Amino acid sequence: MDLSKVLSWALPQALILALPLSLMSNLAAAAWATKADLTVFPSLDSQEGTCPETVVAYETLRPYTEGGSTTDGMIQLREISTNIRVSQVDDFSVTWVGTLKPQYANCEATASIVSWDGEDFQDHSYIRVQISNGQVKAILDMTGVADANGFTSVILYQGMREGNPRWTWGGTD
């Protein structure tokens, strides 16, 4: 048996098996993320050509745990704004605010989910965006978002990572 042939097959296999489980699960989670396209709807007061066409959000359902479900999400705001921060939190919603980049500073618009993984989205848009007065607001609102038992879904985390708003929400099963 040729040792070089064995090593050429065995070494890559050993490296893959040596990857930390957490890294592999993060890679898998990214592969399972669903994409939400939010279409931007300019207001009548908006100057033509000053608004982005879409804003993109992603959500990933965490693996099942007995008693509930949990979803992690993020919205890509750093492409259109800077200085993004959490500005308001209550029992049912969280709002992030950022300063629009110069090319979007004159945009006056709103945005809501219109497609989910390429399919038309007909449900209540619990992720919304408002663009006005040189600022962008992203709103995650659980109002009317029921879990499997008819309770309002709960926001478990709100914050920032890599310049974009992040959240976790969940409910009972």
N, C-alpha and C. Protein backbone atom coordinates (compact mmCIF):
# COMPACT_ATOMS: atom_id res chain seq x y z
N MET A 1 0.85 -1.17 0.00
CA MET A 1 0.00 0.00 0.00
C MET A 1 0.90 1.24 0.00
N ASP A 2 0.58 2.20 -0.85
CA ASP A 2 1.36 3.42 -0.99
C ASP A 2 0.97 4.40 0.11
N LEU A 3 1.92 4.75 0.96
CA LEU A 3 1.67 5.64 2.10
C LEU A 3 1.22 7.02 1.64
N SER A 4 1.74 7.53 0.54
CA SER A 4 1.35 8.87 0.07
C SER A 4 -0.13 8.90 -0.32
N LYS A 5 -0.65 7.80 -0.90
CA LYS A 5 -2.07 7.75 -1.25
C LYS A 5 -2.94 7.72 0.00
N VAL A 6 -2.51 6.98 0.99
CA VAL A 6 -3.26 6.91 2.25
C VAL A 6 -3.28 8.27 2.91
N LEU A 7 -2.13 8.94 2.97
CA LEU A 7 -2.06 10.26 3.60
C LEU A 7 -2.86 11.30 2.82
N SER A 8 -2.86 11.22 1.50
CA SER A 8 -3.61 12.20 0.71
C SER A 8 -5.11 12.07 0.96
N TRP A 9 -5.59 10.90 1.33
CA TRP A 9 -7.00 10.71 1.66
C TRP A 9 -7.25 10.94 3.15
N ALA A 10 -6.39 10.42 4.00
CA ALA A 10 -6.62 10.44 5.45
C ALA A 10 -6.40 11.82 6.06
N LEU A 11 -5.44 12.58 5.58
CA LEU A 11 -5.15 13.88 6.18
C LEU A 11 -6.33 14.85 6.06
N PRO A 12 -6.93 15.03 4.89
CA PRO A 12 -8.10 15.92 4.83
C PRO A 12 -9.26 15.42 5.70
N GLN A 13 -9.46 14.12 5.74
CA GLN A 13 -10.52 13.57 6.58
C GLN A 13 -10.26 13.88 8.05
N ALA A 14 -9.02 13.72 8.49
CA ALA A 14 -8.66 13.98 9.89
C ALA A 14 -8.84 15.45 10.22
N LEU A 15 -8.49 16.34 9.30
CA LEU A 15 -8.65 17.77 9.55
C LEU A 15 -10.12 18.15 9.70
N ILE A 16 -10.96 17.60 8.84
CA ILE A 16 -12.39 17.88 8.93
C ILE A 16 -12.95 17.38 10.26
N LEU A 17 -12.55 16.18 10.64
CA LEU A 17 -13.05 15.62 11.90
C LEU A 17 -12.51 16.37 13.11
N ALA A 18 -11.38 17.06 12.95
CA ALA A 18 -10.79 17.79 14.06
C ALA A 18 -11.40 19.18 14.25
N LEU A 19 -12.23 19.64 13.29
CA LEU A 19 -12.85 20.95 13.45
C LEU A 19 -13.69 20.96 14.73
N PRO A 20 -13.60 22.03 15.49
CA PRO A 20 -14.44 22.10 16.69
C PRO A 20 -15.92 21.99 16.32
N LEU A 21 -16.65 21.30 17.15
CA LEU A 21 -18.07 21.11 16.90
C LEU A 21 -18.80 22.44 16.81
N SER A 22 -18.41 23.43 17.62
CA SER A 22 -19.07 24.73 17.59
C SER A 22 -18.90 25.40 16.24
N LEU A 23 -17.71 25.27 15.63
CA LEU A 23 -17.49 25.86 14.32
C LEU A 23 -18.38 25.18 13.29
N MET A 24 -18.46 23.87 13.34
CA MET A 24 -19.30 23.15 12.39
C MET A 24 -20.76 23.51 12.57
N SER A 25 -21.22 23.67 13.81
CA SER A 25 -22.62 24.01 14.02
C SER A 25 -22.90 25.44 13.57
N ASN A 26 -21.93 26.36 13.70
CA ASN A 26 -22.12 27.71 13.20
C ASN A 26 -22.21 27.72 11.68
N LEU A 27 -21.40 26.90 11.02
CA LEU A 27 -21.46 26.81 9.57
C LEU A 27 -22.81 26.26 9.13
N ALA A 28 -23.29 25.28 9.83
CA ALA A 28 -24.58 24.69 9.49
C ALA A 28 -25.70 25.70 9.72
N ALA A 29 -25.62 26.45 10.81
CA ALA A 29 -26.66 27.44 11.10
C ALA A 29 -26.72 28.49 10.00
N ALA A 30 -25.56 28.94 9.51
CA ALA A 30 -25.55 29.92 8.43
C ALA A 30 -26.20 29.34 7.18
N ALA A 31 -25.99 28.07 6.94
CA ALA A 31 -26.57 27.44 5.75
C ALA A 31 -28.09 27.35 5.86
N TRP A 32 -28.64 27.32 7.06
CA TRP A 32 -30.07 27.19 7.26
C TRP A 32 -30.79 28.52 7.44
N ALA A 33 -30.07 29.62 7.35
CA ALA A 33 -30.70 30.93 7.52
C ALA A 33 -31.71 31.17 6.41
N THR A 34 -32.82 31.80 6.79
CA THR A 34 -33.80 32.21 5.80
C THR A 34 -33.60 33.70 5.53
N LYS A 35 -33.82 34.09 4.29
CA LYS A 35 -33.60 35.47 3.87
C LYS A 35 -34.93 36.17 3.71
N ALA A 36 -35.05 37.32 4.35
CA ALA A 36 -36.23 38.17 4.22
C ALA A 36 -35.84 39.41 3.43
N ASP A 37 -36.49 39.61 2.29
CA ASP A 37 -36.27 40.82 1.51
C ASP A 37 -37.33 41.84 1.90
N LEU A 38 -36.87 43.00 2.35
CA LEU A 38 -37.77 44.10 2.67
C LEU A 38 -37.69 45.11 1.53
N THR A 39 -38.79 45.32 0.85
CA THR A 39 -38.81 46.29 -0.23
C THR A 39 -39.00 47.68 0.37
N VAL A 40 -38.24 48.64 -0.15
CA VAL A 40 -38.32 50.03 0.31
C VAL A 40 -39.37 50.74 -0.54
N PHE A 41 -40.33 51.37 0.13
CA PHE A 41 -41.41 52.10 -0.52
C PHE A 41 -41.23 53.59 -0.25
N PRO A 42 -40.70 54.36 -1.22
CA PRO A 42 -40.49 55.80 -1.00
C PRO A 42 -41.81 56.53 -0.76
N SER A 43 -41.75 57.57 0.04
CA SER A 43 -42.94 58.41 0.23
C SER A 43 -43.03 59.40 -0.92
N LEU A 44 -44.14 60.09 -1.02
CA LEU A 44 -44.32 61.10 -2.07
C LEU A 44 -43.33 62.25 -1.90
N ASP A 45 -42.84 62.45 -0.66
CA ASP A 45 -41.92 63.55 -0.38
C ASP A 45 -40.46 63.19 -0.67
N SER A 46 -40.18 61.95 -0.95
CA SER A 46 -38.80 61.51 -1.15
C SER A 46 -38.29 61.95 -2.51
N GLN A 47 -37.02 62.36 -2.55
CA GLN A 47 -36.41 62.73 -3.82
C GLN A 47 -36.10 61.46 -4.60
N GLU A 48 -36.41 61.45 -5.87
CA GLU A 48 -36.21 60.27 -6.71
C GLU A 48 -34.75 59.85 -6.72
N GLY A 49 -34.54 58.54 -6.57
CA GLY A 49 -33.19 57.98 -6.64
C GLY A 49 -32.38 58.10 -5.38
N THR A 50 -32.99 58.52 -4.28
CA THR A 50 -32.22 58.68 -3.04
C THR A 50 -32.42 57.53 -2.06
N CYS A 51 -33.25 56.56 -2.39
CA CYS A 51 -33.56 55.47 -1.47
C CYS A 51 -32.94 54.15 -1.96
N PRO A 52 -32.54 53.30 -1.02
CA PRO A 52 -32.14 51.95 -1.42
C PRO A 52 -33.38 51.22 -1.92
N GLU A 53 -33.18 50.22 -2.76
CA GLU A 53 -34.33 49.46 -3.28
C GLU A 53 -34.84 48.44 -2.27
N THR A 54 -33.90 47.80 -1.56
CA THR A 54 -34.27 46.77 -0.59
C THR A 54 -33.36 46.85 0.64
N VAL A 55 -33.82 46.22 1.68
CA VAL A 55 -33.03 45.96 2.87
C VAL A 55 -33.21 44.47 3.14
N VAL A 56 -32.13 43.80 3.56
CA VAL A 56 -32.18 42.35 3.73
C VAL A 56 -32.03 41.98 5.20
N ALA A 57 -32.84 41.04 5.64
CA ALA A 57 -32.74 40.48 6.99
C ALA A 57 -32.59 38.97 6.87
N TYR A 58 -32.02 38.36 7.89
CA TYR A 58 -31.87 36.90 7.93
C TYR A 58 -32.34 36.39 9.28
N GLU A 59 -32.96 35.23 9.28
CA GLU A 59 -33.31 34.57 10.53
C GLU A 59 -32.94 33.09 10.45
N THR A 60 -32.51 32.57 11.59
CA THR A 60 -32.13 31.17 11.70
C THR A 60 -32.83 30.55 12.89
N LEU A 61 -33.60 29.52 12.64
CA LEU A 61 -34.26 28.78 13.71
C LEU A 61 -33.22 27.92 14.41
N ARG A 62 -33.11 28.05 15.71
CA ARG A 62 -32.18 27.21 16.45
C ARG A 62 -32.71 25.79 16.52
N PRO A 63 -31.81 24.82 16.76
CA PRO A 63 -32.27 23.44 16.91
C PRO A 63 -33.32 23.33 18.02
N TYR A 64 -34.23 22.39 17.85
CA TYR A 64 -35.34 22.21 18.78
C TYR A 64 -34.85 21.91 20.20
N THR A 65 -35.49 22.57 21.17
CA THR A 65 -35.32 22.24 22.58
C THR A 65 -36.72 22.08 23.16
N GLU A 66 -36.85 21.12 24.04
CA GLU A 66 -38.16 20.83 24.60
C GLU A 66 -38.72 22.06 25.30
N GLY A 67 -39.96 22.39 24.99
CA GLY A 67 -40.65 23.49 25.64
C GLY A 67 -40.74 24.76 24.84
N GLY A 68 -39.93 24.90 23.80
CA GLY A 68 -40.00 26.14 23.05
C GLY A 68 -39.18 26.15 21.79
N SER A 69 -39.29 27.26 21.09
CA SER A 69 -38.50 27.46 19.88
C SER A 69 -37.82 28.82 19.99
N THR A 70 -36.67 28.94 19.33
CA THR A 70 -35.89 30.17 19.39
C THR A 70 -35.36 30.48 17.99
N THR A 71 -35.42 31.76 17.63
CA THR A 71 -34.96 32.21 16.33
C THR A 71 -33.99 33.37 16.50
N ASP A 72 -32.84 33.28 15.82
CA ASP A 72 -31.85 34.35 15.80
C ASP A 72 -32.01 35.13 14.52
N GLY A 73 -31.82 36.46 14.58
CA GLY A 73 -31.97 37.25 13.37
C GLY A 73 -31.03 38.44 13.32
N MET A 74 -30.94 39.00 12.14
CA MET A 74 -30.16 40.21 11.92
C MET A 74 -30.70 40.93 10.69
N ILE A 75 -30.50 42.24 10.66
CA ILE A 75 -30.88 43.03 9.49
C ILE A 75 -29.66 43.83 9.06
N GLN A 76 -29.42 43.85 7.77
CA GLN A 76 -28.24 44.51 7.23
C GLN A 76 -28.51 46.01 7.05
N LEU A 77 -28.14 46.77 8.07
CA LEU A 77 -28.31 48.22 7.99
C LEU A 77 -27.00 48.95 7.71
N ARG A 78 -25.88 48.31 7.96
CA ARG A 78 -24.61 49.03 7.81
C ARG A 78 -24.31 49.41 6.37
N GLU A 79 -25.00 48.79 5.39
CA GLU A 79 -24.82 49.18 4.00
C GLU A 79 -25.42 50.55 3.72
N ILE A 80 -26.42 50.95 4.50
CA ILE A 80 -27.08 52.23 4.24
C ILE A 80 -26.91 53.25 5.36
N SER A 81 -26.33 52.83 6.50
CA SER A 81 -26.24 53.76 7.63
C SER A 81 -25.01 53.50 8.50
N THR A 82 -24.76 54.44 9.39
CA THR A 82 -23.66 54.35 10.35
C THR A 82 -24.21 54.66 11.74
N ASN A 83 -23.38 54.51 12.73
CA ASN A 83 -23.75 54.84 14.13
C ASN A 83 -25.05 54.17 14.56
N ILE A 84 -25.22 52.92 14.24
CA ILE A 84 -26.46 52.19 14.57
C ILE A 84 -26.41 51.79 16.04
N ARG A 85 -27.54 51.95 16.72
CA ARG A 85 -27.63 51.62 18.13
C ARG A 85 -29.07 51.26 18.49
N VAL A 86 -29.22 50.54 19.60
CA VAL A 86 -30.56 50.28 20.12
C VAL A 86 -31.07 51.59 20.70
N SER A 87 -32.26 52.00 20.29
CA SER A 87 -32.79 53.27 20.80
C SER A 87 -34.00 53.10 21.70
N GLN A 88 -34.74 52.02 21.53
CA GLN A 88 -35.94 51.84 22.34
C GLN A 88 -36.25 50.35 22.48
N VAL A 89 -36.60 49.96 23.69
CA VAL A 89 -36.98 48.57 23.98
C VAL A 89 -38.22 48.61 24.88
N ASP A 90 -39.21 47.79 24.54
CA ASP A 90 -40.34 47.60 25.46
C ASP A 90 -40.67 46.11 25.50
N ASP A 91 -41.78 45.75 26.10
CA ASP A 91 -42.12 44.33 26.26
C ASP A 91 -42.34 43.60 24.94
N PHE A 92 -42.66 44.32 23.88
CA PHE A 92 -43.04 43.67 22.63
C PHE A 92 -42.18 44.02 21.42
N SER A 93 -41.32 45.04 21.54
CA SER A 93 -40.57 45.47 20.37
C SER A 93 -39.22 46.07 20.76
N VAL A 94 -38.37 46.17 19.75
CA VAL A 94 -37.08 46.84 19.89
C VAL A 94 -36.86 47.66 18.62
N THR A 95 -36.28 48.85 18.80
CA THR A 95 -36.00 49.72 17.68
C THR A 95 -34.52 50.08 17.69
N TRP A 96 -33.89 49.94 16.52
CA TRP A 96 -32.51 50.38 16.32
C TRP A 96 -32.56 51.63 15.45
N VAL A 97 -31.66 52.58 15.69
CA VAL A 97 -31.59 53.81 14.90
C VAL A 97 -30.17 53.99 14.39
N GLY A 98 -30.05 54.45 13.15
CA GLY A 98 -28.75 54.75 12.57
C GLY A 98 -28.82 56.01 11.73
N THR A 99 -27.67 56.59 11.45
CA THR A 99 -27.57 57.77 10.60
C THR A 99 -27.37 57.31 9.16
N LEU A 100 -28.21 57.78 8.26
CA LEU A 100 -28.12 57.37 6.87
C LEU A 100 -26.80 57.83 6.25
N LYS A 101 -26.25 57.01 5.38
CA LYS A 101 -25.06 57.40 4.62
C LYS A 101 -25.47 58.52 3.66
N PRO A 102 -24.52 59.37 3.26
CA PRO A 102 -24.86 60.56 2.45
C PRO A 102 -25.73 60.29 1.22
N GLN A 103 -25.50 59.19 0.51
CA GLN A 103 -26.28 58.93 -0.71
C GLN A 103 -27.75 58.64 -0.42
N TYR A 104 -28.09 58.33 0.84
CA TYR A 104 -29.48 58.04 1.21
C TYR A 104 -30.08 59.10 2.14
N ALA A 105 -29.33 60.15 2.42
CA ALA A 105 -29.74 61.14 3.42
C ALA A 105 -31.06 61.82 3.11
N ASN A 106 -31.45 61.92 1.84
CA ASN A 106 -32.70 62.58 1.47
C ASN A 106 -33.85 61.61 1.24
N CYS A 107 -33.64 60.36 1.58
CA CYS A 107 -34.68 59.36 1.40
C CYS A 107 -35.74 59.49 2.50
N GLU A 108 -36.98 59.38 2.09
CA GLU A 108 -38.13 59.31 3.00
C GLU A 108 -38.91 58.08 2.56
N ALA A 109 -38.92 57.04 3.39
CA ALA A 109 -39.53 55.78 2.94
C ALA A 109 -39.83 54.87 4.11
N THR A 110 -40.51 53.78 3.79
CA THR A 110 -40.71 52.68 4.74
C THR A 110 -40.37 51.39 4.01
N ALA A 111 -40.20 50.31 4.77
CA ALA A 111 -39.92 49.01 4.18
C ALA A 111 -40.55 47.93 5.04
N SER A 112 -40.98 46.87 4.36
CA SER A 112 -41.53 45.72 5.07
C SER A 112 -41.18 44.46 4.28
N ILE A 113 -41.34 43.31 4.93
CA ILE A 113 -41.01 42.04 4.29
C ILE A 113 -41.97 41.79 3.13
N VAL A 114 -41.41 41.54 1.94
CA VAL A 114 -42.24 41.20 0.78
C VAL A 114 -41.94 39.79 0.27
N SER A 115 -40.74 39.27 0.61
CA SER A 115 -40.46 37.89 0.23
C SER A 115 -39.63 37.21 1.31
N TRP A 116 -39.85 35.92 1.44
CA TRP A 116 -39.18 35.08 2.44
C TRP A 116 -38.57 33.91 1.68
N ASP A 117 -37.26 33.88 1.61
CA ASP A 117 -36.55 32.86 0.82
C ASP A 117 -37.07 32.78 -0.61
N GLY A 118 -37.31 33.95 -1.20
CA GLY A 118 -37.74 34.01 -2.58
C GLY A 118 -39.22 33.80 -2.82
N GLU A 119 -39.97 33.46 -1.79
CA GLU A 119 -41.42 33.26 -1.91
C GLU A 119 -42.14 34.51 -1.42
N ASP A 120 -43.28 34.84 -2.04
CA ASP A 120 -44.07 35.99 -1.58
C ASP A 120 -44.41 35.84 -0.11
N PHE A 121 -44.29 36.92 0.64
CA PHE A 121 -44.58 36.92 2.07
C PHE A 121 -45.91 37.64 2.27
N GLN A 122 -46.90 36.93 2.75
CA GLN A 122 -48.24 37.49 2.92
C GLN A 122 -48.59 37.76 4.38
N ASP A 123 -47.75 37.32 5.31
CA ASP A 123 -48.04 37.48 6.74
C ASP A 123 -47.74 38.90 7.22
N HIS A 124 -48.01 39.11 8.49
CA HIS A 124 -47.71 40.36 9.18
C HIS A 124 -46.19 40.58 9.17
N SER A 125 -45.73 41.73 8.71
CA SER A 125 -44.29 42.02 8.67
C SER A 125 -43.84 42.49 10.05
N TYR A 126 -43.29 41.58 10.82
CA TYR A 126 -42.83 41.92 12.17
C TYR A 126 -41.45 42.58 12.16
N ILE A 127 -40.83 42.65 10.99
CA ILE A 127 -39.60 43.42 10.80
C ILE A 127 -39.96 44.55 9.85
N ARG A 128 -39.77 45.79 10.30
CA ARG A 128 -40.11 46.96 9.49
C ARG A 128 -38.97 47.97 9.54
N VAL A 129 -38.92 48.83 8.55
CA VAL A 129 -37.91 49.88 8.49
C VAL A 129 -38.59 51.20 8.17
N GLN A 130 -38.13 52.26 8.84
CA GLN A 130 -38.57 53.62 8.53
C GLN A 130 -37.32 54.44 8.21
N ILE A 131 -37.38 55.17 7.10
CA ILE A 131 -36.26 56.00 6.68
C ILE A 131 -36.78 57.42 6.57
N SER A 132 -36.22 58.32 7.41
CA SER A 132 -36.75 59.68 7.46
C SER A 132 -35.77 60.61 8.18
N ASN A 133 -35.75 61.85 7.74
CA ASN A 133 -34.95 62.89 8.42
C ASN A 133 -33.50 62.48 8.63
N GLY A 134 -32.91 61.81 7.64
CA GLY A 134 -31.50 61.44 7.71
C GLY A 134 -31.21 60.24 8.59
N GLN A 135 -32.26 59.55 9.06
CA GLN A 135 -32.07 58.39 9.93
C GLN A 135 -32.81 57.18 9.38
N VAL A 136 -32.35 56.01 9.80
CA VAL A 136 -33.05 54.77 9.52
C VAL A 136 -33.42 54.15 10.86
N LYS A 137 -34.62 53.63 10.95
CA LYS A 137 -35.08 52.90 12.13
C LYS A 137 -35.48 51.50 11.68
N ALA A 138 -34.92 50.50 12.33
CA ALA A 138 -35.34 49.12 12.12
C ALA A 138 -36.12 48.70 13.35
N ILE A 139 -37.28 48.12 13.12
CA ILE A 139 -38.18 47.77 14.22
C ILE A 139 -38.49 46.28 14.14
N LEU A 140 -38.21 45.58 15.23
CA LEU A 140 -38.63 44.19 15.40
C LEU A 140 -39.80 44.25 16.36
N ASP A 141 -40.99 43.88 15.88
CA ASP A 141 -42.21 44.05 16.66
C ASP A 141 -42.97 42.72 16.74
N MET A 142 -43.06 42.18 17.94
CA MET A 142 -43.73 40.90 18.15
C MET A 142 -45.24 41.05 18.34
N THR A 143 -45.77 42.27 18.21
CA THR A 143 -47.21 42.48 18.32
C THR A 143 -47.92 41.62 17.29
N GLY A 144 -48.79 40.75 17.75
CA GLY A 144 -49.55 39.90 16.85
C GLY A 144 -48.81 38.67 16.35
N VAL A 145 -47.60 38.42 16.86
CA VAL A 145 -46.83 37.23 16.46
C VAL A 145 -47.00 36.19 17.57
N ALA A 146 -47.90 35.25 17.35
CA ALA A 146 -48.22 34.25 18.38
C ALA A 146 -47.32 33.03 18.24
N ASP A 147 -47.03 32.40 19.38
CA ASP A 147 -46.29 31.13 19.36
C ASP A 147 -47.29 29.98 19.17
N ALA A 148 -46.81 28.77 19.26
CA ALA A 148 -47.65 27.59 19.01
C ALA A 148 -48.81 27.46 20.00
N ASN A 149 -48.69 28.07 21.18
CA ASN A 149 -49.74 27.97 22.19
C ASN A 149 -50.61 29.22 22.29
N GLY A 150 -50.45 30.14 21.36
CA GLY A 150 -51.28 31.34 21.36
C GLY A 150 -50.77 32.45 22.25
N PHE A 151 -49.55 32.35 22.75
CA PHE A 151 -48.95 33.43 23.53
C PHE A 151 -48.13 34.32 22.60
N THR A 152 -47.96 35.58 22.98
CA THR A 152 -47.13 36.49 22.20
C THR A 152 -45.68 36.03 22.27
N SER A 153 -45.02 35.96 21.12
CA SER A 153 -43.59 35.63 21.10
C SER A 153 -42.81 36.69 21.86
N VAL A 154 -41.67 36.29 22.41
CA VAL A 154 -40.89 37.14 23.31
C VAL A 154 -39.53 37.46 22.69
N ILE A 155 -39.11 38.70 22.80
CA ILE A 155 -37.77 39.08 22.38
C ILE A 155 -36.81 38.73 23.52
N LEU A 156 -35.88 37.84 23.25
CA LEU A 156 -34.95 37.35 24.27
C LEU A 156 -33.63 38.09 24.27
N TYR A 157 -33.26 38.69 23.14
CA TYR A 157 -32.00 39.42 23.03
C TYR A 157 -32.15 40.49 21.95
N GLN A 158 -31.56 41.65 22.20
CA GLN A 158 -31.45 42.70 21.19
C GLN A 158 -30.10 43.36 21.38
N GLY A 159 -29.39 43.57 20.28
CA GLY A 159 -28.07 44.18 20.39
C GLY A 159 -27.49 44.43 19.01
N MET A 160 -26.17 44.47 18.97
CA MET A 160 -25.44 44.74 17.73
C MET A 160 -24.29 43.74 17.61
N ARG A 161 -23.98 43.37 16.38
CA ARG A 161 -22.79 42.58 16.11
C ARG A 161 -22.35 42.86 14.68
N GLU A 162 -21.07 43.07 14.51
CA GLU A 162 -20.49 43.35 13.20
C GLU A 162 -21.21 44.51 12.51
N GLY A 163 -21.63 45.51 13.27
CA GLY A 163 -22.24 46.71 12.72
C GLY A 163 -23.69 46.60 12.32
N ASN A 164 -24.34 45.49 12.63
CA ASN A 164 -25.74 45.29 12.26
C ASN A 164 -26.57 44.90 13.48
N PRO A 165 -27.85 45.31 13.49
CA PRO A 165 -28.76 44.88 14.56
C PRO A 165 -28.91 43.36 14.58
N ARG A 166 -28.93 42.81 15.79
CA ARG A 166 -29.12 41.35 15.99
C ARG A 166 -30.21 41.15 17.03
N TRP A 167 -30.90 40.03 16.92
CA TRP A 167 -31.94 39.71 17.90
C TRP A 167 -32.11 38.21 18.04
N THR A 168 -32.77 37.84 19.12
CA THR A 168 -33.25 36.49 19.33
C THR A 168 -34.66 36.61 19.87
N TRP A 169 -35.58 35.84 19.29
CA TRP A 169 -36.94 35.80 19.80
C TRP A 169 -37.39 34.35 19.87
N GLY A 170 -38.38 34.12 20.71
CA GLY A 170 -38.82 32.75 20.89
C GLY A 170 -40.22 32.66 21.45
N GLY A 171 -40.66 31.42 21.63
CA GLY A 171 -41.98 31.17 22.17
C GLY A 171 -42.09 29.73 22.66
N THR A 172 -43.22 29.44 23.23
CA THR A 172 -43.48 28.09 23.74
C THR A 172 -43.90 27.19 22.60
N ASP A 173 -43.80 25.89 22.83
CA ASP A 173 -44.33 24.96 21.82
C ASP A 173 -45.31 24.10 22.46
